[in-house]
Amino acid sequence: MSAPKAMSLRFPDPAQRAAIAAAAKQAGVSMQEYILSAASERATAVERRFLEGFKASMARSGAAFAAEPGSMDPSAEQRAAKQEARQEVERRERGHAA
């Protein structure tokens, strides 16, 4: 079996490379380990946000299916809650896009 190849670490911005190298040195790991760890942490955070949103969606869906057949027309309170939830999702999306 052949030896694993090293990750190519090319940075067009020397300042970016220096900042990453300094952070990796401070953490006591190689640049490759530092970058892979950061990518893993970011992916885990994205997964966590997705699962939280999915669970909230499932809870709302479950509540809708559990409703009485004659109560399918949402009340003003339900419409307000839905609008608030939509605004919260939009705020989170704007906050994570920055």
C-alpha atoms as a PDB file:
ATOM      1  CA  MET A   1       0.000   0.000   0.000  1.00  0.00           C
ATOM      2  CA  SER A   2       1.404   3.412  -0.901  1.00  0.00           C
ATOM      3  CA  ALA A   3       2.028   6.140   1.665  1.00  0.00           C
ATOM      4  CA  PRO A   4      -0.681   8.815   1.956  1.00  0.00           C
ATOM      5  CA  LYS A   5       0.058  12.016   0.089  1.00  0.00           C
ATOM      6  CA  ALA A   6       0.454  15.261   1.963  1.00  0.00           C
ATOM      7  CA  MET A   7      -2.153  17.955   1.506  1.00  0.00           C
ATOM      8  CA  SER A   8      -1.006  20.742  -0.815  1.00  0.00           C
ATOM      9  CA  LEU A   9      -0.948  23.965   1.204  1.00  0.00           C
ATOM     10  CA  ARG A  10      -0.734  26.783  -1.298  1.00  0.00           C
ATOM     11  CA  PHE A  11      -1.973  30.204  -0.315  1.00  0.00           C
ATOM     12  CA  PRO A  12      -2.152  33.093  -2.782  1.00  0.00           C
ATOM     13  CA  ASP A  13      -2.081  35.539   0.141  1.00  0.00           C
ATOM     14  CA  PRO A  14       1.166  35.376   2.160  1.00  0.00           C
ATOM     15  CA  ALA A  15      -0.522  37.120   5.104  1.00  0.00           C
ATOM     16  CA  GLN A  16      -3.200  34.416   5.213  1.00  0.00           C
ATOM     17  CA  ARG A  17      -0.556  31.691   5.197  1.00  0.00           C
ATOM     18  CA  ALA A  18       1.365  33.435   7.969  1.00  0.00           C
ATOM     19  CA  ALA A  19      -1.776  33.813  10.100  1.00  0.00           C
ATOM     20  CA  ILE A  20      -2.662  30.131   9.701  1.00  0.00           C
ATOM     21  CA  ALA A  21       0.930  29.057  10.379  1.00  0.00           C
ATOM     22  CA  ALA A  22       0.997  31.169  13.561  1.00  0.00           C
ATOM     23  CA  ALA A  23      -2.356  29.771  14.751  1.00  0.00           C
ATOM     24  CA  ALA A  24      -1.209  26.203  14.058  1.00  0.00           C
ATOM     25  CA  LYS A  25       2.072  26.798  15.912  1.00  0.00           C
ATOM     26  CA  GLN A  26       0.198  28.267  18.882  1.00  0.00           C
ATOM     27  CA  ALA A  27      -2.106  25.204  18.904  1.00  0.00           C
ATOM     28  CA  GLY A  28       0.954  22.935  18.706  1.00  0.00           C
ATOM     29  CA  VAL A  29      -0.116  21.162  15.519  1.00  0.00           C
ATOM     30  CA  SER A  30       0.906  21.132  11.873  1.00  0.00           C
ATOM     31  CA  MET A  31      -0.780  23.475   9.416  1.00  0.00           C
ATOM     32  CA  GLN A  32      -2.457  20.488   7.793  1.00  0.00           C
ATOM     33  CA  GLU A  33      -3.871  19.292  11.128  1.00  0.00           C
ATOM     34  CA  TYR A  34      -4.993  22.825  11.994  1.00  0.00           C
ATOM     35  CA  ILE A  35      -6.805  23.307   8.665  1.00  0.00           C
ATOM     36  CA  LEU A  36      -8.454  19.874   8.771  1.00  0.00           C
ATOM     37  CA  SER A  37      -9.539  20.425  12.367  1.00  0.00           C
ATOM     38  CA  ALA A  38     -11.063  23.811  11.502  1.00  0.00           C
ATOM     39  CA  ALA A  39     -12.877  22.310   8.511  1.00  0.00           C
ATOM     40  CA  SER A  40     -14.209  19.492  10.671  1.00  0.00           C
ATOM     41  CA  GLU A  41     -15.419  21.926  13.343  1.00  0.00           C
ATOM     42  CA  ARG A  42     -17.158  24.051  10.693  1.00  0.00           C
ATOM     43  CA  ALA A  43     -18.846  21.010   9.140  1.00  0.00           C
ATOM     44  CA  THR A  44     -20.005  19.855  12.578  1.00  0.00           C
ATOM     45  CA  ALA A  45     -21.459  23.300  13.314  1.00  0.00           C
ATOM     46  CA  VAL A  46     -23.309  23.316   9.985  1.00  0.00           C
ATOM     47  CA  GLU A  47     -24.630  19.818  10.672  1.00  0.00           C
ATOM     48  CA  ARG A  48     -25.774  20.854  14.156  1.00  0.00           C
ATOM     49  CA  ARG A  49     -27.674  23.893  12.781  1.00  0.00           C
ATOM     50  CA  PHE A  50     -29.282  21.715  10.111  1.00  0.00           C
ATOM     51  CA  LEU A  51     -30.404  19.133  12.674  1.00  0.00           C
ATOM     52  CA  GLU A  52     -31.809  21.832  14.978  1.00  0.00           C
ATOM     53  CA  GLY A  53     -33.799  23.277  12.081  1.00  0.00           C
ATOM     54  CA  PHE A  54     -34.939  19.826  11.018  1.00  0.00           C
ATOM     55  CA  LYS A  55     -36.122  18.962  14.545  1.00  0.00           C
ATOM     56  CA  ALA A  56     -38.022  22.261  14.774  1.00  0.00           C
ATOM     57  CA  SER A  57     -39.608  21.553  11.390  1.00  0.00           C
ATOM     58  CA  MET A  58     -40.604  18.059  12.481  1.00  0.00           C
ATOM     59  CA  ALA A  59     -42.172  19.459  15.653  1.00  0.00           C
ATOM     60  CA  ARG A  60     -44.204  21.983  13.637  1.00  0.00           C
ATOM     61  CA  SER A  61     -45.252  19.286  11.168  1.00  0.00           C
ATOM     62  CA  GLY A  62     -46.243  16.944  13.990  1.00  0.00           C
ATOM     63  CA  ALA A  63     -48.360  19.665  15.565  1.00  0.00           C
ATOM     64  CA  ALA A  64     -50.097  20.326  12.245  1.00  0.00           C
ATOM     65  CA  PHE A  65     -50.942  16.648  11.743  1.00  0.00           C
ATOM     66  CA  ALA A  66     -52.133  16.317  15.342  1.00  0.00           C
ATOM     67  CA  ALA A  67     -54.560  19.217  14.949  1.00  0.00           C
ATOM     68  CA  GLU A  68     -58.295  18.623  14.859  1.00  0.00           C
ATOM     69  CA  PRO A  69     -59.607  18.239  11.291  1.00  0.00           C
ATOM     70  CA  GLY A  70     -61.778  21.362  11.660  1.00  0.00           C
ATOM     71  CA  SER A  71     -58.930  23.502  12.961  1.00  0.00           C
ATOM     72  CA  MET A  72     -56.804  23.504   9.822  1.00  0.00           C
ATOM     73  CA  ASP A  73     -57.298  27.248   9.302  1.00  0.00           C
ATOM     74  CA  PRO A  74     -54.461  28.789  11.345  1.00  0.00           C
ATOM     75  CA  SER A  75     -55.367  31.254  14.048  1.00  0.00           C
ATOM     76  CA  ALA A  76     -53.835  34.702  14.199  1.00  0.00           C
ATOM     77  CA  GLU A  77     -51.535  33.383  16.950  1.00  0.00           C
ATOM     78  CA  GLN A  78     -50.353  30.485  14.756  1.00  0.00           C
ATOM     79  CA  ARG A  79     -49.748  32.812  11.811  1.00  0.00           C
ATOM     80  CA  ALA A  80     -47.744  35.147  14.064  1.00  0.00           C
ATOM     81  CA  ALA A  81     -45.673  32.206  15.392  1.00  0.00           C
ATOM     82  CA  LYS A  82     -44.986  31.039  11.845  1.00  0.00           C
ATOM     83  CA  GLN A  83     -43.916  34.547  10.802  1.00  0.00           C
ATOM     84  CA  GLU A  84     -41.656  34.828  13.859  1.00  0.00           C
ATOM     85  CA  ALA A  85     -40.049  31.452  13.103  1.00  0.00           C
ATOM     86  CA  ARG A  86     -39.449  32.495   9.488  1.00  0.00           C
ATOM     87  CA  GLN A  87     -37.820  35.749  10.618  1.00  0.00           C
ATOM     88  CA  GLU A  88     -35.607  33.861  13.089  1.00  0.00           C
ATOM     89  CA  VAL A  89     -34.386  31.530  10.325  1.00  0.00           C
ATOM     90  CA  GLU A  90     -33.663  34.511   8.084  1.00  0.00           C
ATOM     91  CA  ARG A  91     -31.731  36.268  10.893  1.00  0.00           C
ATOM     92  CA  ARG A  92     -29.642  33.147  11.477  1.00  0.00           C
ATOM     93  CA  GLU A  93     -28.934  32.802   7.765  1.00  0.00           C
ATOM     94  CA  ARG A  94     -27.802  36.416   7.546  1.00  0.00           C
ATOM     95  CA  GLY A  95     -25.678  36.013  10.678  1.00  0.00           C
ATOM     96  CA  HIS A  96     -23.878  32.916   9.352  1.00  0.00           C
ATOM     97  CA  ALA A  97     -23.380  34.346   5.878  1.00  0.00           C
ATOM     98  CA  ALA A  98     -21.240  37.185   7.246  1.00  0.00           C
END
